[in-house]
Amino acid sequence: MHKTIITAASLVALLTTLTACSSNAPSRRSSVGKTATPASESITADSAFKRISATVSSAKRPGFVSAAIDPNHLLGRPHQYTSKVTFDDSRVPADQIRGMDKGDIGRGGAIEIFGSPADANARAKYIQAALKSMPPLAEYDYVHGTVLVRVSHYLTPKQAAAYKTAVGELD
């Protein structure tokens, strides 16, 4: 019994660390690696969210991520995202997100903006590799130019595809 509790606690600690380090999970569906026309040079996570949420009306933004409250400690670091917002999606079942922190990818998703398409692709690939063996934490990742949109695995593939379409229209 004691061994089971220690094992479970170790697993929770590992998942928490990986979630914080990679801000959730590998992609179930991904457009990582595809070359895309870089999004507008002046795009921010906020402006990308406004355009995406105009297409995906179930996306609701709960807040911005600043360097002071970034759980990954990546905002503004070399080759990492330069701006980030998280959002909820009203189609994610409420019973699935009970107990999740505000801003958790599972509640809806996140938009991360990078200085280069290569950095956005590297981040998406890192996320996928970090949690590839942990399907319960999987997510959909869509990269378009300097924009990485991360979407909750609680959405169906068809629901998540709406984000892929919206991301593709950011040019």
Protein backbone atom coordinates (compact mmCIF):
# COMPACT_ATOMS: atom_id res chain seq x y z
CA MET A 1 0.00 0.00 0.00
CA HIS A 2 2.78 2.41 0.98
CA LYS A 3 4.63 1.61 -2.26
CA THR A 4 1.46 2.37 -4.26
CA ILE A 5 1.06 5.76 -2.59
CA ILE A 6 4.72 6.65 -3.22
CA THR A 7 4.43 5.54 -6.86
CA ALA A 8 1.24 7.55 -7.34
CA ALA A 9 2.80 10.60 -5.71
CA SER A 10 5.87 10.28 -7.93
CA LEU A 11 3.68 10.06 -11.03
CA VAL A 12 1.73 13.16 -10.00
CA ALA A 13 4.99 15.05 -9.39
CA LEU A 14 6.33 13.98 -12.79
CA LEU A 15 3.13 15.02 -14.56
CA THR A 16 3.10 18.35 -12.76
CA THR A 17 6.72 19.00 -13.73
CA LEU A 18 6.17 18.04 -17.35
CA THR A 19 3.00 20.07 -17.52
CA ALA A 20 4.77 23.13 -16.16
CA CYS A 21 7.83 22.62 -18.34
CA SER A 22 5.93 22.03 -21.53
CA SER A 23 2.64 23.62 -20.65
CA ASN A 24 0.78 20.42 -21.25
CA ALA A 25 1.15 17.85 -23.89
CA PRO A 26 2.03 16.34 -27.20
CA SER A 27 -0.17 16.80 -30.15
CA ARG A 28 -2.79 14.29 -31.18
CA ARG A 29 -3.27 16.19 -34.40
CA SER A 30 -0.65 18.58 -35.57
CA SER A 31 0.41 20.70 -38.45
CA VAL A 32 3.93 20.91 -37.02
CA GLY A 33 6.63 20.89 -39.63
CA LYS A 34 4.47 22.29 -42.40
CA THR A 35 5.89 25.41 -43.89
CA ALA A 36 3.53 28.30 -43.71
CA THR A 37 3.72 31.88 -44.74
CA PRO A 38 4.80 33.72 -41.60
CA ALA A 39 1.97 35.53 -39.89
CA SER A 40 2.11 39.30 -39.78
CA GLU A 41 5.30 40.58 -38.14
CA SER A 42 3.28 42.58 -35.61
CA ILE A 43 0.98 39.78 -34.53
CA THR A 44 0.58 39.28 -30.79
CA ALA A 45 -1.14 36.51 -28.90
CA ASP A 46 -3.99 38.92 -28.14
CA SER A 47 -4.49 39.97 -31.77
CA ALA A 48 -4.27 36.34 -32.92
CA PHE A 49 -6.87 35.37 -30.31
CA LYS A 50 -9.23 38.11 -31.47
CA ARG A 51 -9.04 36.86 -35.05
CA ILE A 52 -9.30 33.18 -34.13
CA SER A 53 -12.22 33.71 -31.74
CA ALA A 54 -14.09 35.55 -34.50
CA THR A 55 -14.13 32.18 -36.32
CA VAL A 56 -14.30 29.88 -33.28
CA SER A 57 -17.00 31.56 -31.21
CA SER A 58 -16.76 29.03 -28.36
CA ALA A 59 -13.27 30.36 -27.48
CA LYS A 60 -13.32 32.71 -24.50
CA ARG A 61 -10.10 34.26 -23.16
CA PRO A 62 -9.68 34.15 -19.39
CA GLY A 63 -6.44 36.10 -19.34
CA PHE A 64 -2.97 37.03 -20.45
CA VAL A 65 0.27 35.40 -19.41
CA SER A 66 3.01 37.73 -18.21
CA ALA A 67 6.62 36.88 -17.39
CA ALA A 68 5.76 37.15 -13.69
CA ILE A 69 2.99 34.52 -13.87
CA ASP A 70 4.21 32.29 -16.69
CA PRO A 71 4.14 28.74 -15.25
CA ASN A 72 6.76 27.68 -17.82
CA HIS A 73 9.11 30.64 -17.20
CA LEU A 74 9.61 30.91 -20.97
CA LEU A 75 7.97 34.23 -21.87
CA GLY A 76 10.57 36.53 -23.40
CA ARG A 77 13.43 34.03 -23.04
CA PRO A 78 15.66 33.41 -26.07
CA HIS A 79 13.89 31.31 -28.74
CA GLN A 80 10.72 31.11 -26.64
CA TYR A 81 7.35 32.83 -26.95
CA THR A 82 7.18 36.60 -26.98
CA SER A 83 3.50 36.76 -26.01
CA LYS A 84 0.92 34.27 -24.80
CA VAL A 85 -2.76 34.11 -23.92
CA THR A 86 -4.80 31.22 -22.64
CA PHE A 87 -8.46 30.65 -23.35
CA ASP A 88 -11.42 28.52 -22.38
CA ASP A 89 -13.62 26.74 -24.90
CA SER A 90 -17.26 26.38 -23.90
CA ARG A 91 -17.46 23.00 -25.67
CA VAL A 92 -15.05 21.38 -23.19
CA PRO A 93 -17.28 19.41 -20.78
CA ALA A 94 -17.41 21.09 -17.35
CA ASP A 95 -16.87 17.79 -15.55
CA GLN A 96 -13.55 17.36 -17.39
CA ILE A 97 -12.08 20.66 -16.20
CA ARG A 98 -13.24 20.59 -12.59
CA GLY A 99 -10.21 21.37 -10.44
CA MET A 100 -8.04 22.68 -13.29
CA ASP A 101 -6.32 25.99 -12.81
CA LYS A 102 -7.46 28.96 -14.85
CA GLY A 103 -5.25 29.06 -17.92
CA ASP A 104 -4.73 25.30 -18.13
CA ILE A 105 -4.60 24.08 -21.76
CA GLY A 106 -7.23 21.43 -20.95
CA ARG A 107 -9.84 24.18 -20.39
CA GLY A 108 -9.54 25.33 -24.00
CA GLY A 109 -6.07 26.21 -25.15
CA ALA A 110 -3.33 28.77 -25.54
CA ILE A 111 -1.79 30.93 -28.22
CA GLU A 112 1.97 31.44 -28.16
CA ILE A 113 3.78 33.85 -30.49
CA PHE A 114 7.45 33.38 -31.39
CA GLY A 115 10.14 35.47 -33.02
CA SER A 116 10.51 32.99 -35.88
CA PRO A 117 8.63 30.09 -37.47
CA ALA A 118 11.56 27.83 -36.54
CA ASP A 119 11.10 28.67 -32.85
CA ALA A 120 7.35 28.01 -33.04
CA ASN A 121 7.95 24.64 -34.70
CA ALA A 122 10.66 23.73 -32.18
CA ARG A 123 8.29 24.46 -29.27
CA ALA A 124 5.50 22.37 -30.79
CA LYS A 125 7.86 19.47 -31.44
CA TYR A 126 9.20 19.70 -27.89
CA ILE A 127 5.69 19.57 -26.45
CA GLN A 128 4.82 16.55 -28.58
CA ALA A 129 7.99 14.68 -27.64
CA ALA A 130 7.79 15.54 -23.93
CA LEU A 131 4.41 13.94 -23.39
CA LYS A 132 4.12 11.49 -26.27
CA SER A 133 3.74 8.59 -23.87
CA MET A 134 1.08 10.38 -21.79
CA PRO A 135 -2.14 10.35 -23.87
CA PRO A 136 -4.27 11.78 -21.03
CA LEU A 137 -2.37 15.05 -21.43
CA ALA A 138 -2.40 15.12 -25.24
CA GLU A 139 -3.37 18.27 -27.10
CA TYR A 140 -3.82 19.51 -30.63
CA ASP A 141 -1.04 21.86 -31.81
CA TYR A 142 -1.30 24.05 -34.89
CA VAL A 143 1.68 26.07 -36.11
CA HIS A 144 1.34 28.80 -38.70
CA GLY A 145 4.36 31.01 -39.17
CA THR A 146 5.28 32.43 -35.77
CA VAL A 147 1.98 31.36 -34.16
CA LEU A 148 1.49 28.17 -32.13
CA VAL A 149 -2.09 27.42 -31.13
CA ARG A 150 -2.48 24.68 -28.53
CA VAL A 151 -5.95 23.18 -28.13
CA SER A 152 -7.46 20.94 -25.44
CA HIS A 153 -7.68 17.23 -26.10
CA TYR A 154 -11.16 17.30 -24.60
CA LEU A 155 -12.40 18.69 -27.92
CA THR A 156 -13.23 16.24 -30.67
CA PRO A 157 -10.99 16.21 -33.76
CA LYS A 158 -13.74 17.99 -35.70
CA GLN A 159 -14.09 20.68 -33.03
CA ALA A 160 -10.31 21.19 -32.86
CA ALA A 161 -10.14 21.42 -36.66
CA ALA A 162 -12.00 24.74 -36.43
CA TYR A 163 -8.90 26.16 -34.72
CA LYS A 164 -6.65 24.76 -37.46
CA THR A 165 -8.80 26.50 -40.07
CA ALA A 166 -8.78 29.78 -38.12
CA VAL A 167 -5.00 29.65 -37.64
CA GLY A 168 -4.54 29.14 -41.36
CA GLU A 169 -6.42 32.39 -41.99
CA LEU A 170 -4.04 34.54 -39.92
CA ASP A 171 -2.08 35.79 -42.97
